[in-house]
Amino acid sequence: MADVTDTTELDGVVDCLPLVHHTVRPEWIDYNGHMSEAFYVLVFGYATDAMMIETGLHAGYRESTGCSLYTVEAHIRYLDDVPEGARLAVRTRVLGADAKKVRFAHELFVVADAHPLQGVEGTESAQGIEDPSPATLPTEAEPVATTELLALHVDRAAGRATPFPDTIRERLTSLTEDAPSWAGRSITQVPKPRA
């Protein structure tokens, strides 16, 4: 068996992550008639799973090392309503990586079409993930939601952060892009009512 920390199989991968596609299911629709906020998080979670596979943090790696990514911070922006049946594409950008952590962002788009896939190899949570495709979108595409996340590489047995293997850290670093203008924002302050 190959060393699961070896990402040489990724050598032919372009230095951007593929889009991940989904279709909005009827059970994802809330009482307002559009996709419920919880399912944006689900779709973004599937995109994180796909990023982990692409960077060598796949199921085999997690099983053999006992290490995984733990999300420690997230900020979501809901920008537009998404109806039932909408075809979705998630673009993932790595914004930075160091010895033990990675900052990344997902942008959710409604697109014209996607191609169903039975599942993404290496992840047990592949249900709902459709065909990953090159990271291209129509130039006029505007995201309907975004999220920015910070994750730690954690040794589950030790219960603490541990350094990424060099090959994985180097892969994450090679994917690093400039942060989009919306990244790094916090939630808008609401003034206290006057007494």
C-alpha atoms as a PDB file:
ATOM      1  CA  MET A   1       0.000   0.000   0.000  1.00  0.00           C
ATOM      2  CA  ALA A   2       1.254   3.464  -0.876  1.00  0.00           C
ATOM      3  CA  ASP A   3       2.086   5.973   1.810  1.00  0.00           C
ATOM      4  CA  VAL A   4      -1.162   7.914   2.191  1.00  0.00           C
ATOM      5  CA  THR A   5       0.725  11.097   2.976  1.00  0.00           C
ATOM      6  CA  ASP A   6       2.261  10.869  -0.511  1.00  0.00           C
ATOM      7  CA  THR A   7       0.402  13.210  -2.849  1.00  0.00           C
ATOM      8  CA  THR A   8       2.369  12.391  -6.000  1.00  0.00           C
ATOM      9  CA  GLU A   9      -0.892  11.307  -7.613  1.00  0.00           C
ATOM     10  CA  LEU A  10      -1.819  14.987  -7.437  1.00  0.00           C
ATOM     11  CA  ASP A  11       1.134  16.071  -9.584  1.00  0.00           C
ATOM     12  CA  GLY A  12      -1.043  16.340 -12.686  1.00  0.00           C
ATOM     13  CA  VAL A  13      -3.687  18.406 -10.899  1.00  0.00           C
ATOM     14  CA  VAL A  14      -3.844  22.037 -11.902  1.00  0.00           C
ATOM     15  CA  ASP A  15      -3.156  24.565  -9.167  1.00  0.00           C
ATOM     16  CA  CYS A  16      -6.807  25.243  -8.485  1.00  0.00           C
ATOM     17  CA  LEU A  17      -9.467  23.054  -6.976  1.00  0.00           C
ATOM     18  CA  PRO A  18     -12.297  21.642  -9.110  1.00  0.00           C
ATOM     19  CA  LEU A  19     -15.834  22.904  -8.698  1.00  0.00           C
ATOM     20  CA  VAL A  20     -18.142  20.676  -6.663  1.00  0.00           C
ATOM     21  CA  HIS A  21     -21.755  20.393  -7.874  1.00  0.00           C
ATOM     22  CA  HIS A  22     -25.056  19.696  -6.102  1.00  0.00           C
ATOM     23  CA  THR A  23     -28.774  19.990  -6.826  1.00  0.00           C
ATOM     24  CA  VAL A  24     -31.101  21.557  -4.250  1.00  0.00           C
ATOM     25  CA  ARG A  25     -33.355  18.803  -2.920  1.00  0.00           C
ATOM     26  CA  PRO A  26     -36.993  19.308  -1.860  1.00  0.00           C
ATOM     27  CA  GLU A  27     -36.135  18.545   1.776  1.00  0.00           C
ATOM     28  CA  TRP A  28     -33.629  21.425   1.761  1.00  0.00           C
ATOM     29  CA  ILE A  29     -36.442  23.975   1.271  1.00  0.00           C
ATOM     30  CA  ASP A  30     -37.686  25.871   4.327  1.00  0.00           C
ATOM     31  CA  TYR A  31     -40.947  27.589   5.280  1.00  0.00           C
ATOM     32  CA  ASN A  32     -39.899  30.662   3.248  1.00  0.00           C
ATOM     33  CA  GLY A  33     -39.814  28.633   0.034  1.00  0.00           C
ATOM     34  CA  HIS A  34     -36.044  28.601  -0.504  1.00  0.00           C
ATOM     35  CA  MET A  35     -32.981  26.671   0.639  1.00  0.00           C
ATOM     36  CA  SER A  36     -32.711  26.618   4.434  1.00  0.00           C
ATOM     37  CA  GLU A  37     -29.561  28.013   6.017  1.00  0.00           C
ATOM     38  CA  ALA A  38     -28.551  24.619   7.446  1.00  0.00           C
ATOM     39  CA  PHE A  39     -28.206  23.170   3.953  1.00  0.00           C
ATOM     40  CA  TYR A  40     -25.811  25.887   2.826  1.00  0.00           C
ATOM     41  CA  VAL A  41     -23.562  24.603   5.614  1.00  0.00           C
ATOM     42  CA  LEU A  42     -24.082  21.019   4.376  1.00  0.00           C
ATOM     43  CA  VAL A  43     -23.125  21.948   0.805  1.00  0.00           C
ATOM     44  CA  PHE A  44     -20.089  23.880   2.051  1.00  0.00           C
ATOM     45  CA  GLY A  45     -19.155  20.856   4.187  1.00  0.00           C
ATOM     46  CA  TYR A  46     -19.198  18.623   1.099  1.00  0.00           C
ATOM     47  CA  ALA A  47     -16.915  21.141  -0.627  1.00  0.00           C
ATOM     48  CA  THR A  48     -14.518  20.942   2.333  1.00  0.00           C
ATOM     49  CA  ASP A  49     -14.545  17.124   1.984  1.00  0.00           C
ATOM     50  CA  ALA A  50     -13.668  17.489  -1.717  1.00  0.00           C
ATOM     51  CA  MET A  51     -10.832  19.923  -0.875  1.00  0.00           C
ATOM     52  CA  MET A  52      -9.482  17.425   1.645  1.00  0.00           C
ATOM     53  CA  ILE A  53      -9.459  14.675  -0.990  1.00  0.00           C
ATOM     54  CA  GLU A  54      -7.707  16.924  -3.534  1.00  0.00           C
ATOM     55  CA  THR A  55      -4.993  17.869  -1.030  1.00  0.00           C
ATOM     56  CA  GLY A  56      -4.248  14.377   0.295  1.00  0.00           C
ATOM     57  CA  LEU A  57      -6.335  14.538   3.495  1.00  0.00           C
ATOM     58  CA  HIS A  58      -8.611  11.744   2.198  1.00  0.00           C
ATOM     59  CA  ALA A  59     -10.148   8.830   4.136  1.00  0.00           C
ATOM     60  CA  GLY A  60      -7.027   6.657   3.763  1.00  0.00           C
ATOM     61  CA  TYR A  61      -4.883   9.423   5.227  1.00  0.00           C
ATOM     62  CA  ARG A  62      -7.283   9.946   8.131  1.00  0.00           C
ATOM     63  CA  GLU A  63      -7.467   6.218   8.861  1.00  0.00           C
ATOM     64  CA  SER A  64      -3.713   5.619   8.747  1.00  0.00           C
ATOM     65  CA  THR A  65      -2.617   8.737  10.644  1.00  0.00           C
ATOM     66  CA  GLY A  66      -5.516   9.431  12.986  1.00  0.00           C
ATOM     67  CA  CYS A  67      -5.329  13.051  11.847  1.00  0.00           C
ATOM     68  CA  SER A  68      -8.006  15.212  10.246  1.00  0.00           C
ATOM     69  CA  LEU A  69      -9.092  18.805   9.723  1.00  0.00           C
ATOM     70  CA  TYR A  70     -11.255  20.379  12.423  1.00  0.00           C
ATOM     71  CA  THR A  71     -13.079  23.585  11.566  1.00  0.00           C
ATOM     72  CA  VAL A  72     -12.545  26.068  14.387  1.00  0.00           C
ATOM     73  CA  GLU A  73     -14.077  29.199  12.870  1.00  0.00           C
ATOM     74  CA  ALA A  74     -16.529  29.992  10.070  1.00  0.00           C
ATOM     75  CA  HIS A  75     -18.336  33.030   8.715  1.00  0.00           C
ATOM     76  CA  ILE A  76     -21.193  32.601   6.215  1.00  0.00           C
ATOM     77  CA  ARG A  77     -22.824  35.273   4.069  1.00  0.00           C
ATOM     78  CA  TYR A  78     -26.245  34.513   2.573  1.00  0.00           C
ATOM     79  CA  LEU A  79     -26.507  36.718  -0.502  1.00  0.00           C
ATOM     80  CA  ASP A  80     -29.499  35.463  -2.504  1.00  0.00           C
ATOM     81  CA  ASP A  81     -32.361  32.982  -2.243  1.00  0.00           C
ATOM     82  CA  VAL A  82     -31.850  29.538  -3.794  1.00  0.00           C
ATOM     83  CA  PRO A  83     -34.941  27.641  -5.062  1.00  0.00           C
ATOM     84  CA  GLU A  84     -35.676  23.922  -5.083  1.00  0.00           C
ATOM     85  CA  GLY A  85     -34.038  22.139  -8.013  1.00  0.00           C
ATOM     86  CA  ALA A  86     -31.337  24.777  -8.494  1.00  0.00           C
ATOM     87  CA  ARG A  87     -28.049  23.423  -9.802  1.00  0.00           C
ATOM     88  CA  LEU A  88     -25.210  24.536  -7.553  1.00  0.00           C
ATOM     89  CA  ALA A  89     -21.453  24.847  -8.019  1.00  0.00           C
ATOM     90  CA  VAL A  90     -19.030  25.522  -5.172  1.00  0.00           C
ATOM     91  CA  ARG A  91     -15.670  27.128  -5.856  1.00  0.00           C
ATOM     92  CA  THR A  92     -13.050  26.622  -3.145  1.00  0.00           C
ATOM     93  CA  ARG A  93     -10.038  28.849  -2.606  1.00  0.00           C
ATOM     94  CA  VAL A  94      -7.173  28.173  -0.223  1.00  0.00           C
ATOM     95  CA  LEU A  95      -6.288  31.552   1.320  1.00  0.00           C
ATOM     96  CA  GLY A  96      -3.327  30.478   3.429  1.00  0.00           C
ATOM     97  CA  ALA A  97      -1.692  27.551   5.173  1.00  0.00           C
ATOM     98  CA  ASP A  98       0.993  27.142   7.774  1.00  0.00           C
ATOM     99  CA  ALA A  99       2.358  24.251   9.832  1.00  0.00           C
ATOM    100  CA  LYS A 100      -0.941  23.345  11.549  1.00  0.00           C
ATOM    101  CA  LYS A 101      -3.767  25.396  10.053  1.00  0.00           C
ATOM    102  CA  VAL A 102      -5.426  26.310   6.789  1.00  0.00           C
ATOM    103  CA  ARG A 103      -7.697  29.243   5.921  1.00  0.00           C
ATOM    104  CA  PHE A 104     -10.011  28.722   2.979  1.00  0.00           C
ATOM    105  CA  ALA A 105     -13.209  30.006   1.419  1.00  0.00           C
ATOM    106  CA  HIS A 106     -16.116  28.542  -0.505  1.00  0.00           C
ATOM    107  CA  GLU A 107     -18.319  30.473  -2.939  1.00  0.00           C
ATOM    108  CA  LEU A 108     -21.710  29.003  -3.864  1.00  0.00           C
ATOM    109  CA  PHE A 109     -23.150  29.683  -7.324  1.00  0.00           C
ATOM    110  CA  VAL A 110     -26.361  28.724  -9.124  1.00  0.00           C
ATOM    111  CA  VAL A 111     -25.346  27.305 -12.521  1.00  0.00           C
ATOM    112  CA  ALA A 112     -27.090  25.980 -15.605  1.00  0.00           C
ATOM    113  CA  ASP A 113     -26.008  22.350 -15.346  1.00  0.00           C
ATOM    114  CA  ALA A 114     -23.895  19.735 -13.576  1.00  0.00           C
ATOM    115  CA  HIS A 115     -23.262  16.074 -14.141  1.00  0.00           C
ATOM    116  CA  PRO A 116     -24.324  13.502 -11.489  1.00  0.00           C
ATOM    117  CA  LEU A 117     -21.571  11.393  -9.960  1.00  0.00           C
ATOM    118  CA  GLN A 118     -22.057   8.312  -7.814  1.00  0.00           C
ATOM    119  CA  GLY A 119     -19.705   9.638  -5.135  1.00  0.00           C
ATOM    120  CA  VAL A 120     -16.238  11.040  -4.663  1.00  0.00           C
ATOM    121  CA  GLU A 121     -13.645   8.376  -3.970  1.00  0.00           C
ATOM    122  CA  GLY A 122     -12.069   8.574  -0.549  1.00  0.00           C
ATOM    123  CA  THR A 123     -14.912  10.173   1.357  1.00  0.00           C
ATOM    124  CA  GLU A 124     -17.675   8.457   3.212  1.00  0.00           C
ATOM    125  CA  SER A 125     -19.780  11.622   3.044  1.00  0.00           C
ATOM    126  CA  ALA A 126     -19.850  11.716  -0.751  1.00  0.00           C
ATOM    127  CA  GLN A 127     -23.624  11.461  -1.074  1.00  0.00           C
ATOM    128  CA  GLY A 128     -24.923  14.583  -2.718  1.00  0.00           C
ATOM    129  CA  ILE A 129     -21.614  15.438  -4.375  1.00  0.00           C
ATOM    130  CA  GLU A 130     -21.878  15.554  -8.127  1.00  0.00           C
ATOM    131  CA  ASP A 131     -19.224  15.637 -10.805  1.00  0.00           C
ATOM    132  CA  PRO A 132     -16.240  17.791  -9.875  1.00  0.00           C
ATOM    133  CA  SER A 133     -15.251  19.912 -12.843  1.00  0.00           C
ATOM    134  CA  PRO A 134     -12.548  22.447 -13.681  1.00  0.00           C
ATOM    135  CA  ALA A 135     -12.735  25.603 -11.597  1.00  0.00           C
ATOM    136  CA  THR A 136     -14.390  27.717 -14.280  1.00  0.00           C
ATOM    137  CA  LEU A 137     -17.643  29.622 -14.043  1.00  0.00           C
ATOM    138  CA  PRO A 138     -19.354  32.045 -16.388  1.00  0.00           C
ATOM    139  CA  THR A 139     -17.670  35.434 -16.010  1.00  0.00           C
ATOM    140  CA  GLU A 140     -20.974  37.060 -15.002  1.00  0.00           C
ATOM    141  CA  ALA A 141     -21.604  34.505 -12.212  1.00  0.00           C
ATOM    142  CA  GLU A 142     -22.215  36.036  -8.795  1.00  0.00           C
ATOM    143  CA  PRO A 143     -22.156  33.924  -5.625  1.00  0.00           C
ATOM    144  CA  VAL A 144     -25.421  33.308  -3.780  1.00  0.00           C
ATOM    145  CA  ALA A 145     -23.493  32.554  -0.575  1.00  0.00           C
ATOM    146  CA  THR A 146     -19.928  32.525   0.696  1.00  0.00           C
ATOM    147  CA  THR A 147     -18.134  31.112   3.692  1.00  0.00           C
ATOM    148  CA  GLU A 148     -14.658  31.649   5.074  1.00  0.00           C
ATOM    149  CA  LEU A 149     -13.210  28.996   7.355  1.00  0.00           C
ATOM    150  CA  LEU A 150     -10.221  28.323   9.551  1.00  0.00           C
ATOM    151  CA  ALA A 151      -9.327  24.679  10.192  1.00  0.00           C
ATOM    152  CA  LEU A 152      -6.676  22.977  12.297  1.00  0.00           C
ATOM    153  CA  HIS A 153      -4.871  19.743  11.449  1.00  0.00           C
ATOM    154  CA  VAL A 154      -5.655  17.659  14.530  1.00  0.00           C
ATOM    155  CA  ASP A 155      -4.297  14.392  15.871  1.00  0.00           C
ATOM    156  CA  ARG A 156      -7.557  12.872  17.089  1.00  0.00           C
ATOM    157  CA  ALA A 157      -5.907  10.502  19.596  1.00  0.00           C
ATOM    158  CA  ALA A 158      -3.829  13.275  21.178  1.00  0.00           C
ATOM    159  CA  GLY A 159      -6.685  15.775  20.957  1.00  0.00           C
ATOM    160  CA  ARG A 160      -4.493  18.620  19.768  1.00  0.00           C
ATOM    161  CA  ALA A 161      -3.213  20.313  16.639  1.00  0.00           C
ATOM    162  CA  THR A 162      -0.253  18.720  14.898  1.00  0.00           C
ATOM    163  CA  PRO A 163       1.808  19.780  11.861  1.00  0.00           C
ATOM    164  CA  PHE A 164       0.692  18.800   8.376  1.00  0.00           C
ATOM    165  CA  PRO A 165       3.004  16.381   6.565  1.00  0.00           C
ATOM    166  CA  ASP A 166       5.274  18.407   4.271  1.00  0.00           C
ATOM    167  CA  THR A 167       3.628  17.126   1.064  1.00  0.00           C
ATOM    168  CA  ILE A 168       0.169  18.200   2.216  1.00  0.00           C
ATOM    169  CA  ARG A 169       1.323  21.589   3.506  1.00  0.00           C
ATOM    170  CA  GLU A 170       3.165  22.160   0.227  1.00  0.00           C
ATOM    171  CA  ARG A 171       0.031  21.190  -1.752  1.00  0.00           C
ATOM    172  CA  LEU A 172      -2.098  23.606   0.289  1.00  0.00           C
ATOM    173  CA  THR A 173       0.512  26.334  -0.157  1.00  0.00           C
ATOM    174  CA  SER A 174       0.650  25.727  -3.931  1.00  0.00           C
ATOM    175  CA  LEU A 175      -3.126  26.288  -4.074  1.00  0.00           C
ATOM    176  CA  THR A 176      -3.036  29.554  -2.109  1.00  0.00           C
ATOM    177  CA  GLU A 177      -4.788  32.466  -3.816  1.00  0.00           C
ATOM    178  CA  ASP A 178      -5.306  36.092  -2.874  1.00  0.00           C
ATOM    179  CA  ALA A 179      -8.292  36.500  -0.576  1.00  0.00           C
ATOM    180  CA  PRO A 180     -11.458  37.827  -2.215  1.00  0.00           C
ATOM    181  CA  SER A 181     -12.566  41.307  -1.108  1.00  0.00           C
ATOM    182  CA  TRP A 182     -15.283  39.904   1.172  1.00  0.00           C
ATOM    183  CA  ALA A 183     -12.934  37.650   3.165  1.00  0.00           C
ATOM    184  CA  GLY A 184     -11.921  38.684   6.661  1.00  0.00           C
ATOM    185  CA  ARG A 185     -15.168  40.493   7.409  1.00  0.00           C
ATOM    186  CA  SER A 186     -16.955  40.180  10.696  1.00  0.00           C
ATOM    187  CA  ILE A 187     -20.646  40.421  11.462  1.00  0.00           C
ATOM    188  CA  THR A 188     -21.982  43.964  11.319  1.00  0.00           C
ATOM    189  CA  GLN A 189     -22.441  45.566  14.716  1.00  0.00           C
ATOM    190  CA  VAL A 190     -25.989  46.443  15.746  1.00  0.00           C
ATOM    191  CA  PRO A 191     -26.146  49.490  18.000  1.00  0.00           C
ATOM    192  CA  LYS A 192     -27.633  49.066  21.455  1.00  0.00           C
ATOM    193  CA  PRO A 193     -31.055  50.644  21.874  1.00  0.00           C
ATOM    194  CA  ARG A 194     -31.024  54.053  23.519  1.00  0.00           C
ATOM    195  CA  ALA A 195     -32.394  54.134  27.023  1.00  0.00           C
END
